[in-house]
PDB file of all heavy atoms in Angstrom:
ATOM      1  N   ASN A   1      -1.570  -1.978  10.100  1.00  0.00           N
ATOM      2  CA  ASN A   1      -2.297  -3.136  10.620  1.00  0.00           C
ATOM      3  C   ASN A   1      -1.740  -4.437  10.051  1.00  0.00           C
ATOM      4  O   ASN A   1      -1.490  -5.408  10.787  1.00  0.00           O
ATOM      5  CB  ASN A   1      -3.779  -2.987  10.272  1.00  0.00           C
ATOM      6  CG  ASN A   1      -4.611  -4.158  10.785  1.00  0.00           C
ATOM      7  OD1 ASN A   1      -4.616  -4.459  11.964  1.00  0.00           O
ATOM      8  ND2 ASN A   1      -5.304  -4.821   9.868  1.00  0.00           N
ATOM      9  N   ILE A   2      -1.542  -4.466   8.736  1.00  0.00           N
ATOM     10  CA  ILE A   2      -1.075  -5.702   8.103  1.00  0.00           C
ATOM     11  C   ILE A   2       0.374  -5.999   8.469  1.00  0.00           C
ATOM     12  O   ILE A   2       0.791  -7.163   8.555  1.00  0.00           O
ATOM     13  CB  ILE A   2      -1.263  -5.639   6.568  1.00  0.00           C
ATOM     14  CG1 ILE A   2      -1.449  -7.052   5.998  1.00  0.00           C
ATOM     15  CG2 ILE A   2      -0.111  -4.952   5.884  1.00  0.00           C
ATOM     16  CD1 ILE A   2      -2.704  -7.742   6.479  1.00  0.00           C
ATOM     17  N   MET A   3       1.159  -4.965   8.710  1.00  0.00           N
ATOM     18  CA  MET A   3       2.549  -5.188   9.117  1.00  0.00           C
ATOM     19  C   MET A   3       2.618  -5.726  10.538  1.00  0.00           C
ATOM     20  O   MET A   3       3.480  -6.555  10.870  1.00  0.00           O
ATOM     21  CB  MET A   3       3.344  -3.877   9.014  1.00  0.00           C
ATOM     22  CG  MET A   3       3.600  -3.406   7.585  1.00  0.00           C
ATOM     23  SD  MET A   3       4.369  -4.668   6.531  1.00  0.00           S
ATOM     24  CE  MET A   3       5.896  -4.946   7.407  1.00  0.00           C
ATOM     25  N   LEU A   4       1.690  -5.299  11.406  1.00  0.00           N
ATOM     26  CA  LEU A   4       1.633  -5.855  12.764  1.00  0.00           C
ATOM     27  C   LEU A   4       1.251  -7.333  12.708  1.00  0.00           C
ATOM     28  O   LEU A   4       1.786  -8.162  13.451  1.00  0.00           O
ATOM     29  CB  LEU A   4       0.622  -5.075  13.608  1.00  0.00           C
ATOM     30  CG  LEU A   4       1.061  -3.664  14.030  1.00  0.00           C
ATOM     31  CD1 LEU A   4      -0.094  -2.915  14.685  1.00  0.00           C
ATOM     32  CD2 LEU A   4       2.253  -3.741  14.993  1.00  0.00           C
ATOM     33  N   VAL A   5       0.305  -7.652  11.807  1.00  0.00           N
ATOM     34  CA  VAL A   5      -0.075  -9.056  11.620  1.00  0.00           C
ATOM     35  C   VAL A   5       1.126  -9.853  11.118  1.00  0.00           C
ATOM     36  O   VAL A   5       1.388 -10.976  11.564  1.00  0.00           O
ATOM     37  CB  VAL A   5      -1.249  -9.163  10.614  1.00  0.00           C
ATOM     38  CG1 VAL A   5      -1.513 -10.630  10.251  1.00  0.00           C
ATOM     39  CG2 VAL A   5      -2.508  -8.529  11.194  1.00  0.00           C
ATOM     40  N   SER A   6       1.890  -9.260  10.202  1.00  0.00           N
ATOM     41  CA  SER A   6       3.068  -9.928   9.647  1.00  0.00           C
ATOM     42  C   SER A   6       4.117 -10.187  10.721  1.00  0.00           C
ATOM     43  O   SER A   6       4.769 -11.237  10.737  1.00  0.00           O
ATOM     44  CB  SER A   6       3.660  -9.086   8.519  1.00  0.00           C
ATOM     45  OG  SER A   6       4.787  -9.705   7.947  1.00  0.00           O
ATOM     46  N   VAL A   7       4.263  -9.219  11.636  1.00  0.00           N
ATOM     47  CA  VAL A   7       5.231  -9.392  12.732  1.00  0.00           C
ATOM     48  C   VAL A   7       4.841 -10.592  13.601  1.00  0.00           C
ATOM     49  O   VAL A   7       5.684 -11.422  13.969  1.00  0.00           O
ATOM     50  CB  VAL A   7       5.313  -8.106  13.579  1.00  0.00           C
ATOM     51  CG1 VAL A   7       6.103  -8.368  14.874  1.00  0.00           C
ATOM     52  CG2 VAL A   7       5.965  -6.987  12.788  1.00  0.00           C
ATOM     53  N   VAL A   8       3.530 -10.677  13.885  1.00  0.00           N
ATOM     54  CA  VAL A   8       3.052 -11.791  14.711  1.00  0.00           C
ATOM     55  C   VAL A   8       3.282 -13.119  13.998  1.00  0.00           C
ATOM     56  O   VAL A   8       3.724 -14.119  14.601  1.00  0.00           O
ATOM     57  CB  VAL A   8       1.562 -11.598  15.046  1.00  0.00           C
ATOM     58  CG1 VAL A   8       1.004 -12.848  15.749  1.00  0.00           C
ATOM     59  CG2 VAL A   8       1.374 -10.379  15.925  1.00  0.00           C
ATOM     60  N   GLU A   9       2.967 -13.165  12.695  1.00  0.00           N
ATOM     61  CA  GLU A   9       3.118 -14.399  11.929  1.00  0.00           C
ATOM     62  C   GLU A   9       4.573 -14.844  11.823  1.00  0.00           C
ATOM     63  O   GLU A   9       4.860 -16.043  11.728  1.00  0.00           O
ATOM     64  CB  GLU A   9       2.552 -14.207  10.520  1.00  0.00           C
ATOM     65  CG  GLU A   9       1.030 -14.094  10.465  1.00  0.00           C
ATOM     66  CD  GLU A   9       0.530 -13.856   9.048  1.00  0.00           C
ATOM     67  OE1 GLU A   9       1.359 -13.501   8.167  1.00  0.00           O
ATOM     68  OE2 GLU A   9      -0.682 -14.013   8.817  1.00  0.00           O
ATOM     69  N   ARG A  10       5.482 -13.891  11.822  1.00  0.00           N
ATOM     70  CA  ARG A  10       6.888 -14.224  11.608  1.00  0.00           C
ATOM     71  C   ARG A  10       7.717 -14.092  12.892  1.00  0.00           C
ATOM     72  O   ARG A  10       8.928 -13.884  12.843  1.00  0.00           O
ATOM     73  CB  ARG A  10       7.460 -13.320  10.517  1.00  0.00           C
ATOM     74  CG  ARG A  10       6.801 -13.595   9.167  1.00  0.00           C
ATOM     75  CD  ARG A  10       6.853 -12.424   8.221  1.00  0.00           C
ATOM     76  NE  ARG A  10       8.208 -12.091   7.819  1.00  0.00           N
ATOM     77  CZ  ARG A  10       8.505 -11.034   7.058  1.00  0.00           C
ATOM     78  NH1 ARG A  10       7.549 -10.235   6.641  1.00  0.00           N
ATOM     79  NH2 ARG A  10       9.765 -10.800   6.740  1.00  0.00           N
ATOM     80  N   THR A  11       7.029 -14.231  14.017  1.00  0.00           N
ATOM     81  CA  THR A  11       7.720 -14.090  15.308  1.00  0.00           C
ATOM     82  C   THR A  11       8.845 -15.113  15.454  1.00  0.00           C
ATOM     83  O   THR A  11       9.963 -14.785  15.881  1.00  0.00           O
ATOM     84  CB  THR A  11       6.722 -14.240  16.474  1.00  0.00           C
ATOM     85  OG1 THR A  11       5.736 -13.225  16.377  1.00  0.00           O
ATOM     86  CG2 THR A  11       7.436 -14.131  17.819  1.00  0.00           C
ATOM     87  N   LYS A  12       8.580 -16.365  15.096  1.00  0.00           N
ATOM     88  CA  LYS A  12       9.594 -17.406  15.221  1.00  0.00           C
ATOM     89  C   LYS A  12      10.785 -17.121  14.320  1.00  0.00           C
ATOM     90  O   LYS A  12      11.951 -17.338  14.689  1.00  0.00           O
ATOM     91  CB  LYS A  12       8.987 -18.762  14.874  1.00  0.00           C
ATOM     92  CG  LYS A  12       9.751 -19.931  15.453  1.00  0.00           C
ATOM     93  CD  LYS A  12       8.849 -21.150  15.587  1.00  0.00           C
ATOM     94  CE  LYS A  12       9.372 -22.037  16.696  1.00  0.00           C
ATOM     95  NZ  LYS A  12       8.448 -23.140  17.008  1.00  0.00           N
ATOM     96  N   GLU A  13      10.494 -16.638  13.088  1.00  0.00           N
ATOM     97  CA  GLU A  13      11.567 -16.288  12.147  1.00  0.00           C
ATOM     98  C   GLU A  13      12.461 -15.203  12.740  1.00  0.00           C
ATOM     99  O   GLU A  13      13.695 -15.263  12.640  1.00  0.00           O
ATOM    100  CB  GLU A  13      10.960 -15.803  10.826  1.00  0.00           C
ATOM    101  CG  GLU A  13      11.996 -15.288   9.823  1.00  0.00           C
ATOM    102  CD  GLU A  13      11.341 -14.521   8.671  1.00  0.00           C
ATOM    103  OE1 GLU A  13      10.188 -14.812   8.318  1.00  0.00           O
ATOM    104  OE2 GLU A  13      12.016 -13.608   8.139  1.00  0.00           O
ATOM    105  N   ILE A  14      11.799 -14.204  13.378  1.00  0.00           N
ATOM    106  CA  ILE A  14      12.561 -13.116  14.011  1.00  0.00           C
ATOM    107  C   ILE A  14      13.454 -13.662  15.117  1.00  0.00           C
ATOM    108  O   ILE A  14      14.624 -13.288  15.258  1.00  0.00           O
ATOM    109  CB  ILE A  14      11.596 -12.051  14.568  1.00  0.00           C
ATOM    110  CG1 ILE A  14      10.820 -11.385  13.412  1.00  0.00           C
ATOM    111  CG2 ILE A  14      12.344 -10.992  15.362  1.00  0.00           C
ATOM    112  CD1 ILE A  14       9.661 -10.523  13.880  1.00  0.00           C
ATOM    113  N   GLY A  15      12.894 -14.599  15.928  1.00  0.00           N
ATOM    114  CA  GLY A  15      13.664 -15.192  17.018  1.00  0.00           C
ATOM    115  C   GLY A  15      14.881 -15.940  16.500  1.00  0.00           C
ATOM    116  O   GLY A  15      15.983 -15.835  17.062  1.00  0.00           O
ATOM    117  N   ILE A  16      14.728 -16.698  15.416  1.00  0.00           N
ATOM    118  CA  ILE A  16      15.847 -17.455  14.843  1.00  0.00           C
ATOM    119  C   ILE A  16      16.923 -16.505  14.336  1.00  0.00           C
ATOM    120  O   ILE A  16      18.127 -16.710  14.567  1.00  0.00           O
ATOM    121  CB  ILE A  16      15.350 -18.367  13.709  1.00  0.00           C
ATOM    122  CG1 ILE A  16      14.450 -19.468  14.271  1.00  0.00           C
ATOM    123  CG2 ILE A  16      16.507 -18.974  12.942  1.00  0.00           C
ATOM    124  CD1 ILE A  16      13.742 -20.284  13.210  1.00  0.00           C
ATOM    125  N   ARG A  17      16.506 -15.454  13.638  1.00  0.00           N
ATOM    126  CA  ARG A  17      17.473 -14.508  13.075  1.00  0.00           C
ATOM    127  C   ARG A  17      18.228 -13.782  14.188  1.00  0.00           C
ATOM    128  O   ARG A  17      19.444 -13.571  14.092  1.00  0.00           O
ATOM    129  CB  ARG A  17      16.763 -13.492  12.174  1.00  0.00           C
ATOM    130  CG  ARG A  17      16.164 -14.142  10.916  1.00  0.00           C
ATOM    131  CD  ARG A  17      15.717 -13.091   9.933  1.00  0.00           C
ATOM    132  NE  ARG A  17      16.850 -12.310   9.465  1.00  0.00           N
ATOM    133  CZ  ARG A  17      16.738 -11.169   8.785  1.00  0.00           C
ATOM    134  NH1 ARG A  17      15.556 -10.683   8.520  1.00  0.00           N
ATOM    135  NH2 ARG A  17      17.815 -10.519   8.384  1.00  0.00           N
ATOM    136  N   LYS A  18      17.519 -13.423  15.252  1.00  0.00           N
ATOM    137  CA  LYS A  18      18.199 -12.736  16.359  1.00  0.00           C
ATOM    138  C   LYS A  18      19.135 -13.697  17.095  1.00  0.00           C
ATOM    139  O   LYS A  18      20.205 -13.304  17.582  1.00  0.00           O
ATOM    140  CB  LYS A  18      17.170 -12.124  17.321  1.00  0.00           C
ATOM    141  CG  LYS A  18      16.326 -11.034  16.672  1.00  0.00           C
ATOM    142  CD  LYS A  18      15.516 -10.234  17.680  1.00  0.00           C
ATOM    143  CE  LYS A  18      16.387  -9.184  18.335  1.00  0.00           C
ATOM    144  NZ  LYS A  18      15.609  -8.254  19.170  1.00  0.00           N
ATOM    145  N   ALA A  19      18.736 -14.979  17.186  1.00  0.00           N
ATOM    146  CA  ALA A  19      19.593 -15.982  17.841  1.00  0.00           C
ATOM    147  C   ALA A  19      20.871 -16.201  17.047  1.00  0.00           C
ATOM    148  O   ALA A  19      21.926 -16.538  17.612  1.00  0.00           O
ATOM    149  CB  ALA A  19      18.834 -17.287  17.986  1.00  0.00           C
ATOM    150  N   LEU A  20      20.796 -15.991  15.716  1.00  0.00           N
ATOM    151  CA  LEU A  20      21.973 -16.145  14.853  1.00  0.00           C
ATOM    152  C   LEU A  20      22.810 -14.871  14.779  1.00  0.00           C
ATOM    153  O   LEU A  20      23.795 -14.817  14.037  1.00  0.00           O
ATOM    154  CB  LEU A  20      21.537 -16.556  13.438  1.00  0.00           C
ATOM    155  CG  LEU A  20      20.903 -17.947  13.324  1.00  0.00           C
ATOM    156  CD1 LEU A  20      20.378 -18.181  11.909  1.00  0.00           C
ATOM    157  CD2 LEU A  20      21.929 -19.027  13.694  1.00  0.00           C
ATOM    158  N   GLY A  21      22.399 -13.843  15.551  1.00  0.00           N
ATOM    159  CA  GLY A  21      23.228 -12.642  15.653  1.00  0.00           C
ATOM    160  C   GLY A  21      22.713 -11.414  14.933  1.00  0.00           C
ATOM    161  O   GLY A  21      23.418 -10.402  14.852  1.00  0.00           O
ATOM    162  N   ALA A  22      21.496 -11.476  14.377  1.00  0.00           N
ATOM    163  CA  ALA A  22      20.943 -10.301  13.692  1.00  0.00           C
ATOM    164  C   ALA A  22      20.680  -9.191  14.702  1.00  0.00           C
ATOM    165  O   ALA A  22      20.101  -9.421  15.768  1.00  0.00           O
ATOM    166  CB  ALA A  22      19.653 -10.673  12.972  1.00  0.00           C
ATOM    167  N   LYS A  23      21.107  -8.000  14.388  1.00  0.00           N
ATOM    168  CA  LYS A  23      20.915  -6.860  15.285  1.00  0.00           C
ATOM    169  C   LYS A  23      19.515  -6.281  15.114  1.00  0.00           C
ATOM    170  O   LYS A  23      18.827  -6.507  14.117  1.00  0.00           O
ATOM    171  CB  LYS A  23      21.960  -5.790  14.997  1.00  0.00           C
ATOM    172  CG  LYS A  23      23.388  -6.240  15.283  1.00  0.00           C
ATOM    173  CD  LYS A  23      24.383  -5.114  15.010  1.00  0.00           C
ATOM    174  CE  LYS A  23      25.812  -5.559  15.313  1.00  0.00           C
ATOM    175  NZ  LYS A  23      26.794  -4.494  15.037  1.00  0.00           N
ATOM    176  N   ASN A  24      19.117  -5.481  16.104  1.00  0.00           N
ATOM    177  CA  ASN A  24      17.783  -4.869  16.071  1.00  0.00           C
ATOM    178  C   ASN A  24      17.592  -4.006  14.814  1.00  0.00           C
ATOM    179  O   ASN A  24      16.520  -3.993  14.210  1.00  0.00           O
ATOM    180  CB  ASN A  24      17.556  -4.001  17.311  1.00  0.00           C
ATOM    181  CG  ASN A  24      17.350  -4.845  18.546  1.00  0.00           C
ATOM    182  OD1 ASN A  24      17.228  -6.077  18.453  1.00  0.00           O
ATOM    183  ND2 ASN A  24      17.316  -4.214  19.702  1.00  0.00           N
ATOM    184  N   LYS A  25      18.649  -3.276  14.403  1.00  0.00           N
ATOM    185  CA  LYS A  25      18.549  -2.396  13.244  1.00  0.00           C
ATOM    186  C   LYS A  25      18.293  -3.182  11.959  1.00  0.00           C
ATOM    187  O   LYS A  25      17.591  -2.725  11.064  1.00  0.00           O
ATOM    188  CB  LYS A  25      19.823  -1.567  13.106  1.00  0.00           C
ATOM    189  CG  LYS A  25      19.959  -0.467  14.140  1.00  0.00           C
ATOM    190  CD  LYS A  25      21.182   0.404  13.870  1.00  0.00           C
ATOM    191  CE  LYS A  25      21.276   1.538  14.891  1.00  0.00           C
ATOM    192  NZ  LYS A  25      22.471   2.394  14.640  1.00  0.00           N
ATOM    193  N   VAL A  26      18.869  -4.398  11.891  1.00  0.00           N
ATOM    194  CA  VAL A  26      18.679  -5.243  10.696  1.00  0.00           C
ATOM    195  C   VAL A  26      17.226  -5.701  10.608  1.00  0.00           C
ATOM    196  O   VAL A  26      16.606  -5.673   9.540  1.00  0.00           O
ATOM    197  CB  VAL A  26      19.638  -6.450  10.729  1.00  0.00           C
ATOM    198  CG1 VAL A  26      19.329  -7.406   9.571  1.00  0.00           C
ATOM    199  CG2 VAL A  26      21.078  -5.981  10.667  1.00  0.00           C
ATOM    200  N   ILE A  27      16.674  -6.159  11.760  1.00  0.00           N
ATOM    201  CA  ILE A  27      15.279  -6.605  11.800  1.00  0.00           C
ATOM    202  C   ILE A  27      14.351  -5.422  11.472  1.00  0.00           C
ATOM    203  O   ILE A  27      13.396  -5.555  10.686  1.00  0.00           O
ATOM    204  CB  ILE A  27      14.923  -7.183  13.181  1.00  0.00           C
ATOM    205  CG1 ILE A  27      15.856  -8.351  13.536  1.00  0.00           C
ATOM    206  CG2 ILE A  27      13.463  -7.599  13.224  1.00  0.00           C
ATOM    207  CD1 ILE A  27      15.729  -9.533  12.610  1.00  0.00           C
ATOM    208  N   GLU A  28      14.652  -4.278  12.068  1.00  0.00           N
ATOM    209  CA  GLU A  28      13.823  -3.088  11.839  1.00  0.00           C
ATOM    210  C   GLU A  28      13.854  -2.696  10.368  1.00  0.00           C
ATOM    211  O   GLU A  28      12.807  -2.393   9.767  1.00  0.00           O
ATOM    212  CB  GLU A  28      14.343  -1.942  12.708  1.00  0.00           C
ATOM    213  CG  GLU A  28      13.497  -0.684  12.626  1.00  0.00           C
ATOM    214  CD  GLU A  28      13.995   0.408  13.567  1.00  0.00           C
ATOM    215  OE1 GLU A  28      14.402   0.078  14.705  1.00  0.00           O
ATOM    216  OE2 GLU A  28      13.976   1.581  13.155  1.00  0.00           O
ATOM    217  N   ALA A  29      15.024  -2.726   9.761  1.00  0.00           N
ATOM    218  CA  ALA A  29      15.164  -2.342   8.352  1.00  0.00           C
ATOM    219  C   ALA A  29      14.394  -3.305   7.455  1.00  0.00           C
ATOM    220  O   ALA A  29      13.773  -2.894   6.472  1.00  0.00           O
ATOM    221  CB  ALA A  29      16.637  -2.317   7.961  1.00  0.00           C
ATOM    222  N   GLN A  30      14.399  -4.592   7.790  1.00  0.00           N
ATOM    223  CA  GLN A  30      13.710  -5.584   6.967  1.00  0.00           C
ATOM    224  C   GLN A  30      12.215  -5.287   6.881  1.00  0.00           C
ATOM    225  O   GLN A  30      11.634  -5.269   5.792  1.00  0.00           O
ATOM    226  CB  GLN A  30      13.933  -6.987   7.563  1.00  0.00           C
ATOM    227  CG  GLN A  30      13.191  -8.077   6.784  1.00  0.00           C
ATOM    228  CD  GLN A  30      13.299  -9.439   7.461  1.00  0.00           C
ATOM    229  OE1 GLN A  30      14.128  -9.628   8.361  1.00  0.00           O
ATOM    230  NE2 GLN A  30      12.454 -10.378   7.050  1.00  0.00           N
ATOM    231  N   PHE A  31      11.588  -5.014   8.019  1.00  0.00           N
ATOM    232  CA  PHE A  31      10.143  -4.760   8.025  1.00  0.00           C
ATOM    233  C   PHE A  31       9.811  -3.366   7.470  1.00  0.00           C
ATOM    234  O   PHE A  31       8.761  -3.175   6.848  1.00  0.00           O
ATOM    235  CB  PHE A  31       9.587  -4.927   9.448  1.00  0.00           C
ATOM    236  CG  PHE A  31       9.420  -6.365   9.841  1.00  0.00           C
ATOM    237  CD1 PHE A  31      10.470  -7.073  10.423  1.00  0.00           C
ATOM    238  CD2 PHE A  31       8.231  -7.022   9.601  1.00  0.00           C
ATOM    239  CE1 PHE A  31      10.325  -8.405  10.776  1.00  0.00           C
ATOM    240  CE2 PHE A  31       8.079  -8.359   9.956  1.00  0.00           C
ATOM    241  CZ  PHE A  31       9.127  -9.049  10.535  1.00  0.00           C
ATOM    242  N   LEU A  32      10.717  -2.426   7.705  1.00  0.00           N
ATOM    243  CA  LEU A  32      10.479  -1.074   7.199  1.00  0.00           C
ATOM    244  C   LEU A  32      10.545  -1.060   5.664  1.00  0.00           C
ATOM    245  O   LEU A  32       9.722  -0.408   5.004  1.00  0.00           O
ATOM    246  CB  LEU A  32      11.509  -0.107   7.779  1.00  0.00           C
ATOM    247  CG  LEU A  32      11.218   1.398   7.611  1.00  0.00           C
ATOM    248  CD1 LEU A  32       9.878   1.749   8.248  1.00  0.00           C
ATOM    249  CD2 LEU A  32      12.332   2.223   8.251  1.00  0.00           C
ATOM    250  N   VAL A  33      11.500  -1.780   5.094  1.00  0.00           N
ATOM    251  CA  VAL A  33      11.616  -1.871   3.632  1.00  0.00           C
ATOM    252  C   VAL A  33      10.369  -2.526   3.042  1.00  0.00           C
ATOM    253  O   VAL A  33       9.856  -2.089   2.004  1.00  0.00           O
ATOM    254  CB  VAL A  33      12.885  -2.655   3.235  1.00  0.00           C
ATOM    255  CG1 VAL A  33      12.841  -3.013   1.743  1.00  0.00           C
ATOM    256  CG2 VAL A  33      14.127  -1.836   3.534  1.00  0.00           C
ATOM    257  N   GLU A  34       9.841  -3.532   3.715  1.00  0.00           N
ATOM    258  CA  GLU A  34       8.632  -4.198   3.226  1.00  0.00           C
ATOM    259  C   GLU A  34       7.438  -3.239   3.230  1.00  0.00           C
ATOM    260  O   GLU A  34       6.650  -3.200   2.285  1.00  0.00           O
ATOM    261  CB  GLU A  34       8.324  -5.422   4.094  1.00  0.00           C
ATOM    262  CG  GLU A  34       7.137  -6.224   3.581  1.00  0.00           C
ATOM    263  CD  GLU A  34       6.916  -7.495   4.393  1.00  0.00           C
ATOM    264  OE1 GLU A  34       7.868  -7.965   5.037  1.00  0.00           O
ATOM    265  OE2 GLU A  34       5.779  -8.000   4.373  1.00  0.00           O
ATOM    266  N   SER A  35       7.317  -2.466   4.289  1.00  0.00           N
ATOM    267  CA  SER A  35       6.229  -1.491   4.387  1.00  0.00           C
ATOM    268  C   SER A  35       6.344  -0.430   3.287  1.00  0.00           C
ATOM    269  O   SER A  35       5.355  -0.088   2.626  1.00  0.00           O
ATOM    270  CB  SER A  35       6.262  -0.820   5.765  1.00  0.00           C
ATOM    271  OG  SER A  35       5.353   0.253   5.825  1.00  0.00           O
ATOM    272  N   VAL A  36       7.560   0.082   3.083  1.00  0.00           N
ATOM    273  CA  VAL A  36       7.779   1.105   2.050  1.00  0.00           C
ATOM    274  C   VAL A  36       7.515   0.518   0.670  1.00  0.00           C
ATOM    275  O   VAL A  36       6.932   1.182  -0.193  1.00  0.00           O
ATOM    276  CB  VAL A  36       9.227   1.661   2.143  1.00  0.00           C
ATOM    277  CG1 VAL A  36       9.520   2.565   0.940  1.00  0.00           C
ATOM    278  CG2 VAL A  36       9.407   2.442   3.437  1.00  0.00           C
ATOM    279  N   LEU A  37       7.921  -0.735   0.447  1.00  0.00           N
ATOM    280  CA  LEU A  37       7.709  -1.367  -0.853  1.00  0.00           C
ATOM    281  C   LEU A  37       6.217  -1.484  -1.170  1.00  0.00           C
ATOM    282  O   LEU A  37       5.788  -1.196  -2.294  1.00  0.00           O
ATOM    283  CB  LEU A  37       8.361  -2.752  -0.866  1.00  0.00           C
ATOM    284  CG  LEU A  37       8.217  -3.542  -2.182  1.00  0.00           C
ATOM    285  CD1 LEU A  37       8.914  -2.819  -3.323  1.00  0.00           C
ATOM    286  CD2 LEU A  37       8.770  -4.960  -2.022  1.00  0.00           C
ATOM    287  N   ILE A  38       5.440  -1.913  -0.174  1.00  0.00           N
ATOM    288  CA  ILE A  38       3.986  -2.024  -0.382  1.00  0.00           C
ATOM    289  C   ILE A  38       3.388  -0.677  -0.760  1.00  0.00           C
ATOM    290  O   ILE A  38       2.593  -0.562  -1.703  1.00  0.00           O
ATOM    291  CB  ILE A  38       3.308  -2.588   0.891  1.00  0.00           C
ATOM    292  CG1 ILE A  38       3.698  -4.051   1.093  1.00  0.00           C
ATOM    293  CG2 ILE A  38       1.792  -2.444   0.817  1.00  0.00           C
ATOM    294  CD1 ILE A  38       3.207  -4.638   2.407  1.00  0.00           C
ATOM    295  N   CYS A  39       3.775   0.378  -0.042  1.00  0.00           N
ATOM    296  CA  CYS A  39       3.232   1.711  -0.314  1.00  0.00           C
ATOM    297  C   CYS A  39       3.731   2.259  -1.647  1.00  0.00           C
ATOM    298  O   CYS A  39       2.987   2.942  -2.363  1.00  0.00           O
ATOM    299  CB  CYS A  39       3.598   2.671   0.817  1.00  0.00           C
ATOM    300  SG  CYS A  39       2.728   2.331   2.357  1.00  0.00           S
ATOM    301  N   ALA A  40       5.009   1.970  -1.975  1.00  0.00           N
ATOM    302  CA  ALA A  40       5.562   2.463  -3.242  1.00  0.00           C
ATOM    303  C   ALA A  40       4.857   1.824  -4.431  1.00  0.00           C
ATOM    304  O   ALA A  40       4.522   2.498  -5.412  1.00  0.00           O
ATOM    305  CB  ALA A  40       7.058   2.188  -3.301  1.00  0.00           C
ATOM    306  N   ILE A  41       4.624   0.500  -4.342  1.00  0.00           N
ATOM    307  CA  ILE A  41       3.903  -0.184  -5.420  1.00  0.00           C
ATOM    308  C   ILE A  41       2.481   0.365  -5.532  1.00  0.00           C
ATOM    309  O   ILE A  41       1.977   0.624  -6.624  1.00  0.00           O
ATOM    310  CB  ILE A  41       3.873  -1.706  -5.170  1.00  0.00           C
ATOM    311  CG1 ILE A  41       5.291  -2.284  -5.256  1.00  0.00           C
ATOM    312  CG2 ILE A  41       2.959  -2.398  -6.182  1.00  0.00           C
ATOM    313  CD1 ILE A  41       5.372  -3.750  -4.864  1.00  0.00           C
ATOM    314  N   GLY A  42       1.839   0.558  -4.363  1.00  0.00           N
ATOM    315  CA  GLY A  42       0.498   1.153  -4.360  1.00  0.00           C
ATOM    316  C   GLY A  42       0.500   2.555  -4.953  1.00  0.00           C
ATOM    317  O   GLY A  42      -0.423   2.938  -5.674  1.00  0.00           O
ATOM    318  N   GLY A  43       1.562   3.311  -4.657  1.00  0.00           N
ATOM    319  CA  GLY A  43       1.680   4.666  -5.207  1.00  0.00           C
ATOM    320  C   GLY A  43       1.798   4.668  -6.713  1.00  0.00           C
ATOM    321  O   GLY A  43       1.146   5.462  -7.410  1.00  0.00           O
ATOM    322  N   VAL A  44       2.640   3.763  -7.243  1.00  0.00           N
ATOM    323  CA  VAL A  44       2.817   3.666  -8.702  1.00  0.00           C
ATOM    324  C   VAL A  44       1.501   3.269  -9.369  1.00  0.00           C
ATOM    325  O   VAL A  44       1.089   3.845 -10.385  1.00  0.00           O
ATOM    326  CB  VAL A  44       3.928   2.657  -9.054  1.00  0.00           C
ATOM    327  CG1 VAL A  44       3.953   2.404 -10.561  1.00  0.00           C
ATOM    328  CG2 VAL A  44       5.277   3.171  -8.577  1.00  0.00           C
TER     329      VAL A  44
END
């Protein structure tokens, strides 16, 4: 839920990065790493 909210909040940032040539895999990896980091910290 919070990651979906984050995607909405950072929509413009995503658009700028994609306009500068960022590939879909790079954008996907960025949000996936953030999600894993939140869960890993919570796990610890």
